[in-house]
Structure formats: C-alpha cells, structure tokens
Amino acid sequence: MTSSKSSTAPGSAQSRPPFWARLPVLAGNLIQLGGIILGVLLIVLAAGVSSVAVASAALAVVGIVLVAFSSHSIGHWLAGRLVGLRFAYIGVRGTDHPETYPPGVRQIFSIMPMFTMVSTRRSREAAGRWALAAYFASGQTTAVVGWVVSAVLTRVLNVPGSRVILPVVVVWAVGTVLVAIFNAKGDYAKAGAALRAGRAA
C-alpha cells in the first residue's frame, strides 16, 4: 500500500525499492483524487449493470481497490499539511513491504503502482512528536476508511456479491491495520516510533 517515506522515521532503517517515477505533489494528488472519483463511479456503474452479476461484482471490486489505494498517500499529505510539514514530491513504486503479503498477492502488489508521499527532512525535524505521529498514521487510516466505505457503498447499492464483498473487505482492512502496527515499515508502527523518540528526547 502507499505510504509516507519512512527511511527518516524513528527506528526505521530498512532499505526500500527505488521509485519508478517522482511526481510533483499537485500532479500526484490530482491523480489520486481522480482514482477515488473513478473508483466511486465504477461502483455506481456496477450497480447499473447488476443484471450481469459477474461483471457487476468485478467492477465493484476494481472500484473498491481504486478508492482504497488512491486514499492512502493523500491522507499523509492532508495530515502533514495540517501539522505544518512540507513535501518534496510523490514517488511511484510497488509496495515497499512485499514480504507481508502471501504469494500471488505479493507479486501483484510489487508491480502495482502505488504513491509514496515524501516530506522534506527540514519540516520533519521541525515537527513535534505528535505531529509526526499524526502524519505517519494518517495514510493507513484514510486507506482503511476508503476500503470500508467503498465496500459499504456496494452493499447500499445492492451490487451482486456485495454480501460477500463487504465482510471480505472488512477482514482485509483489519489485516492491513495489523500489518501497519506490527511491521516496522507500517504506518502505525512508525507513528508509535515517533512518539517514543519524542519521549526519549
């Protein structure tokens, strides 16, 4: 999933795959907003073609994935701006922690373009521990909201298969939260490390 750049997060020294591209912040955010809008439109379209159940369910799943993956990095940006951080660019690459996914999903996520919000070192150094914690935690939080709300939308619109889609997405979202807590590269782990580093200082 997308993230904030964490090589500068307290306690995180893991190497990460190189970026495929570096986008201006405005361009990257516009692409993500477009992904969210397109994802919602696909879910609405899925409800409109409900007579073809398989196609409808497939459109809904693609829409959910678009919303969720487009909600992560922009969440970092929103929180970061609120706490005074500045951003250099938005990087694009596959997942930076493929080891947390099962075989098959790992390979897909490694080649799926994901956005990484890269804040400036100076603004991070000037931020307090609570500001950094909010910045790190925000991406995972907005992604989970994206997963669950878009899945709920499929249920509200009575998309075929939504009775299965919704609980599966909820379980997946819970899984991503656990990874974000217990994996050192995870957003919630980085937020906790920022708080601990602040207390130590």
N, C-alpha and C. Protein backbone atom coordinates (compact mmCIF):
# COMPACT_ATOMS: atom_id res chain seq x y z
N MET A 1 0.84 -1.18 0.00
CA MET A 1 0.00 0.00 0.00
C MET A 1 0.88 1.23 0.00
N THR A 2 0.29 2.34 -0.35
CA THR A 2 1.06 3.56 -0.39
C THR A 2 1.41 4.03 0.99
N SER A 3 2.39 4.94 1.09
CA SER A 3 2.84 5.35 2.40
C SER A 3 3.54 6.68 2.33
N SER A 4 3.91 7.16 3.52
CA SER A 4 4.85 8.26 3.59
C SER A 4 6.23 7.65 3.53
N LYS A 5 7.21 8.42 3.06
CA LYS A 5 8.56 7.90 3.04
C LYS A 5 9.03 7.71 4.47
N SER A 6 9.51 6.51 4.82
CA SER A 6 9.80 6.22 6.22
C SER A 6 11.26 6.01 6.51
N SER A 7 12.14 6.20 5.52
CA SER A 7 13.55 5.99 5.80
C SER A 7 14.03 6.97 6.86
N THR A 8 13.28 8.03 7.06
CA THR A 8 13.64 9.01 8.07
C THR A 8 12.81 8.86 9.33
N ALA A 9 11.92 7.89 9.35
CA ALA A 9 11.11 7.68 10.54
C ALA A 9 11.97 7.12 11.65
N PRO A 10 11.69 7.47 12.91
CA PRO A 10 12.49 6.95 14.01
C PRO A 10 12.48 5.44 14.02
N GLY A 11 13.67 4.86 14.11
CA GLY A 11 13.76 3.41 14.23
C GLY A 11 13.58 2.65 12.94
N SER A 12 13.52 3.29 11.78
CA SER A 12 13.32 2.55 10.54
C SER A 12 14.52 2.76 9.63
N ALA A 13 15.28 1.70 9.43
CA ALA A 13 16.47 1.81 8.60
C ALA A 13 16.43 0.81 7.45
N GLN A 14 15.28 0.19 7.19
CA GLN A 14 15.17 -0.81 6.15
C GLN A 14 15.32 -0.17 4.78
N SER A 15 15.99 -0.92 3.88
CA SER A 15 16.09 -0.43 2.51
C SER A 15 14.75 -0.59 1.82
N ARG A 16 14.52 0.25 0.83
CA ARG A 16 13.25 0.24 0.11
C ARG A 16 13.52 0.23 -1.38
N PRO A 17 12.59 -0.33 -2.15
CA PRO A 17 12.81 -0.34 -3.61
C PRO A 17 12.83 1.07 -4.17
N PRO A 18 13.56 1.27 -5.27
CA PRO A 18 13.64 2.62 -5.84
C PRO A 18 12.31 3.04 -6.46
N PHE A 19 12.11 4.35 -6.56
CA PHE A 19 10.92 4.86 -7.21
C PHE A 19 11.02 4.68 -8.71
N TRP A 20 9.89 4.38 -9.33
CA TRP A 20 9.83 4.32 -10.79
C TRP A 20 9.70 5.73 -11.37
N ALA A 21 9.05 6.60 -10.61
CA ALA A 21 8.84 7.98 -11.06
C ALA A 21 8.67 8.87 -9.85
N ARG A 22 8.95 10.17 -10.04
CA ARG A 22 8.74 11.17 -9.00
C ARG A 22 7.84 12.25 -9.58
N LEU A 23 6.69 12.44 -8.96
CA LEU A 23 5.69 13.38 -9.46
C LEU A 23 5.65 14.64 -8.60
N PRO A 24 5.37 15.79 -9.22
CA PRO A 24 5.08 16.98 -8.40
C PRO A 24 3.89 16.68 -7.50
N VAL A 25 3.89 17.27 -6.32
CA VAL A 25 2.84 16.98 -5.34
C VAL A 25 1.45 17.24 -5.91
N LEU A 26 1.27 18.38 -6.59
CA LEU A 26 -0.04 18.70 -7.14
C LEU A 26 -0.48 17.64 -8.15
N ALA A 27 0.41 17.25 -9.04
CA ALA A 27 0.06 16.25 -10.06
C ALA A 27 -0.29 14.91 -9.41
N GLY A 28 0.53 14.51 -8.42
CA GLY A 28 0.26 13.25 -7.75
C GLY A 28 -1.07 13.25 -7.01
N ASN A 29 -1.38 14.36 -6.36
CA ASN A 29 -2.65 14.45 -5.65
C ASN A 29 -3.84 14.45 -6.60
N LEU A 30 -3.69 15.12 -7.73
CA LEU A 30 -4.78 15.13 -8.72
C LEU A 30 -5.02 13.72 -9.28
N ILE A 31 -3.95 12.98 -9.50
CA ILE A 31 -4.10 11.60 -9.97
C ILE A 31 -4.83 10.77 -8.93
N GLN A 32 -4.46 10.95 -7.66
CA GLN A 32 -5.13 10.19 -6.59
C GLN A 32 -6.60 10.58 -6.46
N LEU A 33 -6.90 11.86 -6.53
CA LEU A 33 -8.30 12.29 -6.50
C LEU A 33 -9.07 11.68 -7.67
N GLY A 34 -8.42 11.66 -8.84
CA GLY A 34 -9.05 11.03 -9.99
C GLY A 34 -9.32 9.56 -9.76
N GLY A 35 -8.37 8.88 -9.07
CA GLY A 35 -8.56 7.47 -8.76
C GLY A 35 -9.73 7.24 -7.83
N ILE A 36 -9.89 8.11 -6.84
CA ILE A 36 -11.02 8.00 -5.91
C ILE A 36 -12.34 8.20 -6.64
N ILE A 37 -12.39 9.24 -7.47
CA ILE A 37 -13.62 9.53 -8.22
C ILE A 37 -13.94 8.40 -9.18
N LEU A 38 -12.93 7.91 -9.90
CA LEU A 38 -13.16 6.81 -10.84
C LEU A 38 -13.62 5.56 -10.11
N GLY A 39 -13.03 5.29 -8.94
CA GLY A 39 -13.43 4.13 -8.17
C GLY A 39 -14.90 4.19 -7.77
N VAL A 40 -15.34 5.35 -7.30
CA VAL A 40 -16.75 5.52 -6.92
C VAL A 40 -17.65 5.35 -8.14
N LEU A 41 -17.23 5.93 -9.27
CA LEU A 41 -18.04 5.80 -10.48
C LEU A 41 -18.14 4.34 -10.94
N LEU A 42 -17.07 3.58 -10.78
CA LEU A 42 -17.12 2.17 -11.15
C LEU A 42 -18.09 1.40 -10.25
N ILE A 43 -18.14 1.74 -8.97
CA ILE A 43 -19.08 1.08 -8.06
C ILE A 43 -20.52 1.42 -8.46
N VAL A 44 -20.75 2.69 -8.79
CA VAL A 44 -22.09 3.09 -9.24
C VAL A 44 -22.44 2.38 -10.55
N LEU A 45 -21.47 2.29 -11.45
CA LEU A 45 -21.71 1.58 -12.72
C LEU A 45 -22.00 0.10 -12.45
N ALA A 46 -21.30 -0.47 -11.47
CA ALA A 46 -21.54 -1.88 -11.13
C ALA A 46 -22.99 -2.10 -10.73
N ALA A 47 -23.55 -1.16 -9.98
CA ALA A 47 -24.95 -1.26 -9.60
C ALA A 47 -25.86 -1.14 -10.81
N GLY A 48 -25.42 -0.36 -11.80
CA GLY A 48 -26.24 -0.17 -13.00
C GLY A 48 -26.26 -1.36 -13.92
N VAL A 49 -25.26 -2.23 -13.82
CA VAL A 49 -25.22 -3.43 -14.69
C VAL A 49 -25.40 -4.69 -13.85
N SER A 50 -26.19 -4.57 -12.80
CA SER A 50 -26.36 -5.69 -11.86
C SER A 50 -26.99 -6.92 -12.50
N SER A 51 -27.59 -6.75 -13.67
CA SER A 51 -28.18 -7.92 -14.35
C SER A 51 -27.10 -8.89 -14.82
N VAL A 52 -25.89 -8.39 -14.99
CA VAL A 52 -24.76 -9.26 -15.33
C VAL A 52 -23.90 -9.37 -14.06
N ALA A 53 -24.22 -10.34 -13.25
CA ALA A 53 -23.69 -10.40 -11.88
C ALA A 53 -22.17 -10.42 -11.83
N VAL A 54 -21.54 -11.24 -12.65
CA VAL A 54 -20.08 -11.37 -12.59
C VAL A 54 -19.41 -10.06 -12.96
N ALA A 55 -19.86 -9.44 -14.04
CA ALA A 55 -19.28 -8.17 -14.47
C ALA A 55 -19.52 -7.09 -13.42
N SER A 56 -20.70 -7.08 -12.84
CA SER A 56 -21.04 -6.09 -11.82
C SER A 56 -20.13 -6.23 -10.61
N ALA A 57 -19.97 -7.45 -10.12
CA ALA A 57 -19.11 -7.67 -8.96
C ALA A 57 -17.66 -7.31 -9.26
N ALA A 58 -17.19 -7.64 -10.47
CA ALA A 58 -15.81 -7.33 -10.85
C ALA A 58 -15.59 -5.83 -10.89
N LEU A 59 -16.53 -5.08 -11.46
CA LEU A 59 -16.41 -3.63 -11.49
C LEU A 59 -16.37 -3.05 -10.08
N ALA A 60 -17.19 -3.60 -9.20
CA ALA A 60 -17.23 -3.12 -7.82
C ALA A 60 -15.90 -3.35 -7.12
N VAL A 61 -15.32 -4.52 -7.32
CA VAL A 61 -14.04 -4.83 -6.68
C VAL A 61 -12.94 -3.89 -7.19
N VAL A 62 -12.91 -3.68 -8.50
CA VAL A 62 -11.92 -2.75 -9.06
C VAL A 62 -12.13 -1.34 -8.49
N GLY A 63 -13.38 -0.94 -8.36
CA GLY A 63 -13.68 0.37 -7.79
C GLY A 63 -13.22 0.50 -6.36
N ILE A 64 -13.44 -0.53 -5.57
CA ILE A 64 -13.01 -0.52 -4.17
C ILE A 64 -11.49 -0.40 -4.07
N VAL A 65 -10.79 -1.18 -4.89
CA VAL A 65 -9.33 -1.14 -4.88
C VAL A 65 -8.82 0.24 -5.28
N LEU A 66 -9.43 0.83 -6.30
CA LEU A 66 -9.02 2.17 -6.74
C LEU A 66 -9.22 3.21 -5.63
N VAL A 67 -10.37 3.16 -4.98
CA VAL A 67 -10.63 4.11 -3.90
C VAL A 67 -9.62 3.94 -2.78
N ALA A 68 -9.40 2.71 -2.36
CA ALA A 68 -8.52 2.45 -1.22
C ALA A 68 -7.08 2.85 -1.51
N PHE A 69 -6.57 2.44 -2.67
CA PHE A 69 -5.18 2.72 -2.99
C PHE A 69 -4.94 4.18 -3.35
N SER A 70 -6.00 4.88 -3.70
CA SER A 70 -5.86 6.30 -4.00
C SER A 70 -6.08 7.17 -2.77
N SER A 71 -6.47 6.55 -1.66
CA SER A 71 -6.77 7.31 -0.44
C SER A 71 -5.61 7.36 0.53
N HIS A 72 -4.60 6.53 0.31
CA HIS A 72 -3.55 6.37 1.32
C HIS A 72 -2.58 7.56 1.35
N SER A 73 -1.89 7.77 0.27
CA SER A 73 -0.85 8.80 0.27
C SER A 73 -1.42 10.20 0.45
N ILE A 74 -2.58 10.42 -0.13
CA ILE A 74 -3.20 11.74 0.00
C ILE A 74 -3.60 12.00 1.46
N GLY A 75 -3.84 10.94 2.22
CA GLY A 75 -4.10 11.09 3.65
C GLY A 75 -2.87 11.62 4.38
N HIS A 76 -1.69 11.10 4.01
CA HIS A 76 -0.45 11.62 4.58
C HIS A 76 -0.30 13.11 4.26
N TRP A 77 -0.62 13.46 3.03
CA TRP A 77 -0.48 14.86 2.63
C TRP A 77 -1.41 15.77 3.43
N LEU A 78 -2.66 15.35 3.56
CA LEU A 78 -3.63 16.16 4.29
C LEU A 78 -3.20 16.39 5.74
N ALA A 79 -2.85 15.30 6.42
CA ALA A 79 -2.43 15.43 7.81
C ALA A 79 -1.12 16.20 7.91
N GLY A 80 -0.21 15.91 7.00
CA GLY A 80 1.07 16.59 7.02
C GLY A 80 0.94 18.09 6.86
N ARG A 81 0.09 18.50 5.95
CA ARG A 81 -0.13 19.93 5.75
C ARG A 81 -0.76 20.56 6.99
N LEU A 82 -1.66 19.84 7.62
CA LEU A 82 -2.32 20.38 8.82
C LEU A 82 -1.33 20.60 9.97
N VAL A 83 -0.30 19.75 10.05
CA VAL A 83 0.67 19.89 11.15
C VAL A 83 1.92 20.64 10.72
N GLY A 84 1.92 21.19 9.51
CA GLY A 84 3.00 22.07 9.09
C GLY A 84 4.12 21.45 8.29
N LEU A 85 3.98 20.21 7.85
CA LEU A 85 5.03 19.59 7.05
C LEU A 85 5.00 20.12 5.62
N ARG A 86 6.14 20.01 4.95
CA ARG A 86 6.26 20.37 3.54
C ARG A 86 6.68 19.12 2.78
N PHE A 87 6.37 19.10 1.49
CA PHE A 87 6.60 17.88 0.71
C PHE A 87 7.44 18.16 -0.53
N ALA A 88 8.37 17.24 -0.79
CA ALA A 88 9.28 17.38 -1.92
C ALA A 88 8.66 16.87 -3.22
N TYR A 89 8.03 15.70 -3.15
CA TYR A 89 7.44 15.08 -4.34
C TYR A 89 6.63 13.87 -3.91
N ILE A 90 5.97 13.25 -4.87
CA ILE A 90 5.27 11.98 -4.65
C ILE A 90 5.95 10.92 -5.49
N GLY A 91 6.47 9.89 -4.84
CA GLY A 91 7.12 8.80 -5.54
C GLY A 91 6.12 7.73 -5.95
N VAL A 92 6.44 7.02 -7.02
CA VAL A 92 5.59 5.92 -7.50
C VAL A 92 6.44 4.66 -7.57
N ARG A 93 5.95 3.59 -6.97
CA ARG A 93 6.61 2.29 -6.99
C ARG A 93 5.62 1.24 -6.52
N GLY A 94 6.04 -0.02 -6.54
CA GLY A 94 5.21 -1.08 -5.96
C GLY A 94 5.30 -1.03 -4.44
N THR A 95 4.65 -1.97 -3.79
CA THR A 95 4.67 -1.99 -2.33
C THR A 95 6.10 -2.04 -1.81
N ASP A 96 6.35 -1.34 -0.71
CA ASP A 96 7.70 -1.35 -0.14
C ASP A 96 7.85 -2.41 0.95
N HIS A 97 6.80 -3.21 1.17
CA HIS A 97 6.94 -4.33 2.11
C HIS A 97 6.24 -5.57 1.55
N PRO A 98 6.75 -6.12 0.42
CA PRO A 98 6.12 -7.29 -0.20
C PRO A 98 6.12 -8.52 0.69
N GLU A 99 7.07 -8.56 1.64
CA GLU A 99 7.19 -9.75 2.49
C GLU A 99 5.98 -9.95 3.39
N THR A 100 5.15 -8.93 3.56
CA THR A 100 3.99 -9.06 4.44
C THR A 100 2.79 -9.69 3.75
N TYR A 101 2.87 -9.88 2.43
CA TYR A 101 1.74 -10.42 1.68
C TYR A 101 1.98 -11.88 1.30
N PRO A 102 0.91 -12.66 1.15
CA PRO A 102 1.07 -14.06 0.73
C PRO A 102 1.49 -14.15 -0.72
N PRO A 103 2.08 -15.28 -1.14
CA PRO A 103 2.47 -15.45 -2.54
C PRO A 103 1.29 -15.19 -3.47
N GLY A 104 1.54 -14.62 -4.60
CA GLY A 104 0.47 -14.24 -5.53
C GLY A 104 0.12 -12.79 -5.32
N VAL A 105 -0.42 -12.48 -4.16
CA VAL A 105 -0.71 -11.08 -3.82
C VAL A 105 0.59 -10.28 -3.77
N ARG A 106 1.63 -10.90 -3.24
CA ARG A 106 2.94 -10.24 -3.14
C ARG A 106 3.43 -9.79 -4.51
N GLN A 107 3.34 -10.66 -5.50
CA GLN A 107 3.82 -10.33 -6.83
C GLN A 107 2.96 -9.23 -7.48
N ILE A 108 1.65 -9.30 -7.25
CA ILE A 108 0.76 -8.29 -7.81
C ILE A 108 1.04 -6.92 -7.21
N PHE A 109 1.18 -6.87 -5.89
CA PHE A 109 1.41 -5.60 -5.22
C PHE A 109 2.79 -5.03 -5.51
N SER A 110 3.73 -5.90 -5.86
CA SER A 110 5.07 -5.42 -6.18
C SER A 110 5.13 -4.71 -7.53
N ILE A 111 4.17 -5.00 -8.41
CA ILE A 111 4.17 -4.34 -9.73
C ILE A 111 3.03 -3.32 -9.86
N MET A 112 2.17 -3.25 -8.84
CA MET A 112 1.08 -2.28 -8.87
C MET A 112 1.61 -0.90 -8.49
N PRO A 113 1.38 0.11 -9.33
CA PRO A 113 1.88 1.44 -8.99
C PRO A 113 1.18 2.01 -7.76
N MET A 114 1.98 2.41 -6.78
CA MET A 114 1.46 2.98 -5.54
C MET A 114 2.18 4.30 -5.27
N PHE A 115 1.50 5.17 -4.57
CA PHE A 115 2.04 6.50 -4.32
C PHE A 115 2.69 6.58 -2.94
N THR A 116 3.82 7.27 -2.87
CA THR A 116 4.53 7.49 -1.62
C THR A 116 4.76 8.98 -1.44
N MET A 117 4.18 9.55 -0.42
CA MET A 117 4.35 10.97 -0.14
C MET A 117 5.70 11.18 0.55
N VAL A 118 6.52 12.05 0.00
CA VAL A 118 7.86 12.28 0.55
C VAL A 118 7.93 13.69 1.13
N SER A 119 7.99 13.76 2.45
CA SER A 119 8.08 15.05 3.14
C SER A 119 9.54 15.49 3.21
N THR A 120 9.74 16.77 3.41
CA THR A 120 11.11 17.29 3.48
C THR A 120 11.71 17.02 4.85
N ARG A 121 13.00 16.78 4.87
CA ARG A 121 13.69 16.49 6.13
C ARG A 121 13.58 17.66 7.09
N ARG A 122 13.73 18.86 6.59
CA ARG A 122 13.70 20.05 7.45
C ARG A 122 12.35 20.18 8.15
N SER A 123 11.27 19.95 7.41
CA SER A 123 9.95 20.10 8.04
C SER A 123 9.69 19.00 9.06
N ARG A 124 10.21 17.80 8.81
CA ARG A 124 10.06 16.73 9.79
C ARG A 124 10.84 17.03 11.06
N GLU A 125 12.05 17.57 10.90
CA GLU A 125 12.87 17.88 12.06
C GLU A 125 12.25 18.98 12.92
N ALA A 126 11.49 19.87 12.26
CA ALA A 126 10.85 20.97 12.99
C ALA A 126 9.54 20.55 13.64
N ALA A 127 9.00 19.40 13.25
CA ALA A 127 7.70 18.96 13.76
C ALA A 127 7.84 18.27 15.12
N GLY A 128 6.83 18.40 15.95
CA GLY A 128 6.80 17.69 17.22
C GLY A 128 6.42 16.23 17.04
N ARG A 129 6.55 15.47 18.12
CA ARG A 129 6.29 14.03 18.02
C ARG A 129 4.84 13.73 17.70
N TRP A 130 3.91 14.52 18.25
CA TRP A 130 2.51 14.26 17.96
C TRP A 130 2.18 14.59 16.50
N ALA A 131 2.82 15.63 15.98
CA ALA A 131 2.62 15.98 14.57
C ALA A 131 3.12 14.88 13.66
N LEU A 132 4.31 14.35 13.97
CA LEU A 132 4.85 13.26 13.16
C LEU A 132 4.00 12.00 13.27
N ALA A 133 3.53 11.71 14.48
CA ALA A 133 2.69 10.53 14.66
C ALA A 133 1.40 10.64 13.83
N ALA A 134 0.81 11.83 13.85
CA ALA A 134 -0.40 12.04 13.06
C ALA A 134 -0.11 11.89 11.58
N TYR A 135 1.01 12.41 11.15
CA TYR A 135 1.42 12.32 9.74
C TYR A 135 1.60 10.87 9.32
N PHE A 136 2.34 10.09 10.11
CA PHE A 136 2.58 8.70 9.75
C PHE A 136 1.29 7.87 9.79
N ALA A 137 0.46 8.08 10.79
CA ALA A 137 -0.73 7.25 10.97
C ALA A 137 -1.84 7.57 9.98
N SER A 138 -1.84 8.76 9.43
CA SER A 138 -2.98 9.21 8.62
C SER A 138 -3.20 8.40 7.35
N GLY A 139 -2.11 7.98 6.69
CA GLY A 139 -2.28 7.27 5.42
C GLY A 139 -3.02 5.95 5.59
N GLN A 140 -2.59 5.15 6.57
CA GLN A 140 -3.27 3.88 6.81
C GLN A 140 -4.72 4.11 7.21
N THR A 141 -4.95 5.16 7.97
CA THR A 141 -6.31 5.44 8.43
C THR A 141 -7.23 5.79 7.26
N THR A 142 -6.77 6.68 6.37
CA THR A 142 -7.61 7.05 5.23
C THR A 142 -7.78 5.88 4.26
N ALA A 143 -6.76 5.03 4.16
CA ALA A 143 -6.90 3.85 3.29
C ALA A 143 -7.95 2.89 3.82
N VAL A 144 -7.95 2.67 5.14
CA VAL A 144 -8.95 1.78 5.74
C VAL A 144 -10.34 2.36 5.55
N VAL A 145 -10.47 3.66 5.75
CA VAL A 145 -11.76 4.31 5.50
C VAL A 145 -12.18 4.11 4.05
N GLY A 146 -11.22 4.25 3.13
CA GLY A 146 -11.51 4.03 1.71
C GLY A 146 -11.99 2.62 1.43
N TRP A 147 -11.29 1.63 1.99
CA TRP A 147 -11.69 0.23 1.82
C TRP A 147 -13.13 0.02 2.30
N VAL A 148 -13.38 0.40 3.54
CA VAL A 148 -14.65 0.05 4.18
C VAL A 148 -15.82 0.86 3.59
N VAL A 149 -15.65 2.16 3.43
CA VAL A 149 -16.74 2.99 2.92
C VAL A 149 -17.12 2.58 1.50
N SER A 150 -16.13 2.30 0.66
CA SER A 150 -16.46 1.90 -0.70
C SER A 150 -17.14 0.54 -0.73
N ALA A 151 -16.74 -0.37 0.18
CA ALA A 151 -17.41 -1.66 0.25
C ALA A 151 -18.84 -1.51 0.77
N VAL A 152 -19.03 -0.63 1.74
CA VAL A 152 -20.38 -0.36 2.23
C VAL A 152 -21.24 0.20 1.10
N LEU A 153 -20.65 1.04 0.25
CA LEU A 153 -21.39 1.60 -0.88
C LEU A 153 -21.90 0.50 -1.81
N THR A 154 -21.09 -0.53 -2.03
CA THR A 154 -21.56 -1.64 -2.87
C THR A 154 -22.78 -2.31 -2.25
N ARG A 155 -22.77 -2.39 -0.91
CA ARG A 155 -23.90 -3.02 -0.23
C ARG A 155 -25.14 -2.13 -0.31
N VAL A 156 -24.95 -0.83 -0.11
CA VAL A 156 -26.06 0.12 -0.17
C VAL A 156 -26.71 0.10 -1.55
N LEU A 157 -25.87 -0.02 -2.59
CA LEU A 157 -26.37 -0.03 -3.96
C LEU A 157 -26.81 -1.42 -4.41
N ASN A 158 -26.70 -2.39 -3.50
CA ASN A 158 -27.14 -3.76 -3.77
C ASN A 158 -26.43 -4.37 -4.98
N VAL A 159 -25.12 -4.14 -5.06
CA VAL A 159 -24.32 -4.74 -6.12
C VAL A 159 -24.27 -6.25 -5.90
N PRO A 160 -24.43 -7.05 -6.95
CA PRO A 160 -24.34 -8.51 -6.80
C PRO A 160 -23.02 -8.91 -6.12
N GLY A 161 -23.13 -9.78 -5.16
CA GLY A 161 -21.94 -10.24 -4.44
C GLY A 161 -21.52 -9.34 -3.29
N SER A 162 -22.23 -8.25 -3.08
CA SER A 162 -21.81 -7.31 -2.03
C SER A 162 -21.94 -7.90 -0.63
N ARG A 163 -22.82 -8.89 -0.47
CA ARG A 163 -22.93 -9.54 0.84
C ARG A 163 -21.64 -10.29 1.19
N VAL A 164 -20.90 -10.69 0.17
CA VAL A 164 -19.60 -11.34 0.38
C VAL A 164 -18.48 -10.30 0.35
N ILE A 165 -18.58 -9.37 -0.59
CA ILE A 165 -17.54 -8.36 -0.76
C ILE A 165 -17.31 -7.59 0.53
N LEU A 166 -18.37 -7.14 1.18
CA LEU A 166 -18.23 -6.29 2.37
C LEU A 166 -17.46 -6.98 3.49
N PRO A 167 -17.86 -8.19 3.93
CA PRO A 167 -17.08 -8.81 5.02
C PRO A 167 -15.65 -9.13 4.62
N VAL A 168 -15.43 -9.52 3.35
CA VAL A 168 -14.06 -9.81 2.90
C VAL A 168 -13.20 -8.55 2.98
N VAL A 169 -13.75 -7.43 2.54
CA VAL A 169 -13.02 -6.16 2.59
C VAL A 169 -12.74 -5.75 4.03
N VAL A 170 -13.71 -5.93 4.91
CA VAL A 170 -13.51 -5.58 6.32
C VAL A 170 -12.37 -6.42 6.91
N VAL A 171 -12.36 -7.71 6.62
CA VAL A 171 -11.29 -8.58 7.12
C VAL A 171 -9.94 -8.13 6.54
N TRP A 172 -9.94 -7.80 5.24
CA TRP A 172 -8.70 -7.34 4.61
C TRP A 172 -8.22 -6.05 5.28
N ALA A 173 -9.15 -5.12 5.54
CA ALA A 173 -8.80 -3.85 6.17
C ALA A 173 -8.21 -4.08 7.56
N VAL A 174 -8.81 -4.99 8.31
CA VAL A 174 -8.27 -5.32 9.64
C VAL A 174 -6.86 -5.89 9.51
N GLY A 175 -6.66 -6.74 8.50
CA GLY A 175 -5.33 -7.30 8.26
C GLY A 175 -4.30 -6.23 7.97
N THR A 176 -4.68 -5.23 7.16
CA THR A 176 -3.73 -4.16 6.85
C THR A 176 -3.41 -3.33 8.09
N VAL A 177 -4.40 -3.18 8.96
CA VAL A 177 -4.15 -2.45 10.21
C VAL A 177 -3.14 -3.21 11.06
N LEU A 178 -3.30 -4.52 11.17
CA LEU A 178 -2.37 -5.32 11.96
C LEU A 178 -0.96 -5.26 11.40
N VAL A 179 -0.85 -5.32 10.07
CA VAL A 179 0.46 -5.19 9.43
C VAL A 179 1.06 -3.83 9.74
N ALA A 180 0.23 -2.78 9.68
CA ALA A 180 0.71 -1.42 9.94
C ALA A 180 1.16 -1.23 11.38
N ILE A 181 0.64 -2.05 12.28
CA ILE A 181 1.02 -1.96 13.69
C ILE A 181 2.29 -2.76 13.98
N PHE A 182 2.36 -3.99 13.45
CA PHE A 182 3.42 -4.90 13.87
C PHE A 182 4.61 -4.97 12.91
N ASN A 183 4.48 -4.44 11.69
CA ASN A 183 5.61 -4.39 10.78
C ASN A 183 6.31 -3.05 10.96
N ALA A 184 7.63 -3.06 11.10
CA ALA A 184 8.36 -1.81 11.36
C ALA A 184 8.17 -0.78 10.26
N LYS A 185 7.85 -1.24 9.04
CA LYS A 185 7.62 -0.32 7.93
C LYS A 185 6.20 0.22 7.92
N GLY A 186 5.33 -0.32 8.77
CA GLY A 186 3.93 0.08 8.77
C GLY A 186 3.71 1.47 9.33
N ASP A 187 2.66 2.10 8.85
CA ASP A 187 2.37 3.48 9.26
C ASP A 187 2.16 3.63 10.76
N TYR A 188 1.40 2.71 11.36
CA TYR A 188 1.14 2.82 12.79
C TYR A 188 2.39 2.52 13.61
N ALA A 189 3.22 1.61 13.14
CA ALA A 189 4.49 1.34 13.82
C ALA A 189 5.38 2.58 13.78
N LYS A 190 5.41 3.26 12.64
CA LYS A 190 6.22 4.49 12.53
C LYS A 190 5.65 5.59 13.41
N ALA A 191 4.34 5.65 13.51
CA ALA A 191 3.73 6.65 14.39
C ALA A 191 4.13 6.39 15.85
N GLY A 192 4.09 5.12 16.25
CA GLY A 192 4.49 4.77 17.60
C GLY A 192 5.96 5.08 17.84
N ALA A 193 6.80 4.81 16.83
CA ALA A 193 8.23 5.09 16.98
C ALA A 193 8.47 6.59 17.12
N ALA A 194 7.70 7.40 16.39
CA ALA A 194 7.84 8.86 16.51
C ALA A 194 7.49 9.33 17.91
N LEU A 195 6.44 8.76 18.49
CA LEU A 195 6.06 9.14 19.85
C LEU A 195 7.12 8.72 20.87
N ARG A 196 7.64 7.51 20.71
CA ARG A 196 8.66 7.03 21.64
C ARG A 196 9.94 7.85 21.53
N ALA A 197 10.32 8.21 20.31
CA ALA A 197 11.53 9.02 20.10
C ALA A 197 11.36 10.40 20.73
N GLY A 198 10.15 10.94 20.64
CA GLY A 198 9.88 12.25 21.24
C GLY A 198 9.99 12.21 22.75
N ARG A 199 9.50 11.12 23.34
CA ARG A 199 9.59 11.00 24.80
C ARG A 199 11.05 10.86 25.25
N ALA A 200 11.83 10.10 24.44
CA ALA A 200 13.24 9.89 24.79
C ALA A 200 14.02 11.18 24.69
N ALA A 201 13.63 12.02 23.73
CA ALA A 201 14.33 13.30 23.56
C ALA A 201 14.01 14.21 24.73
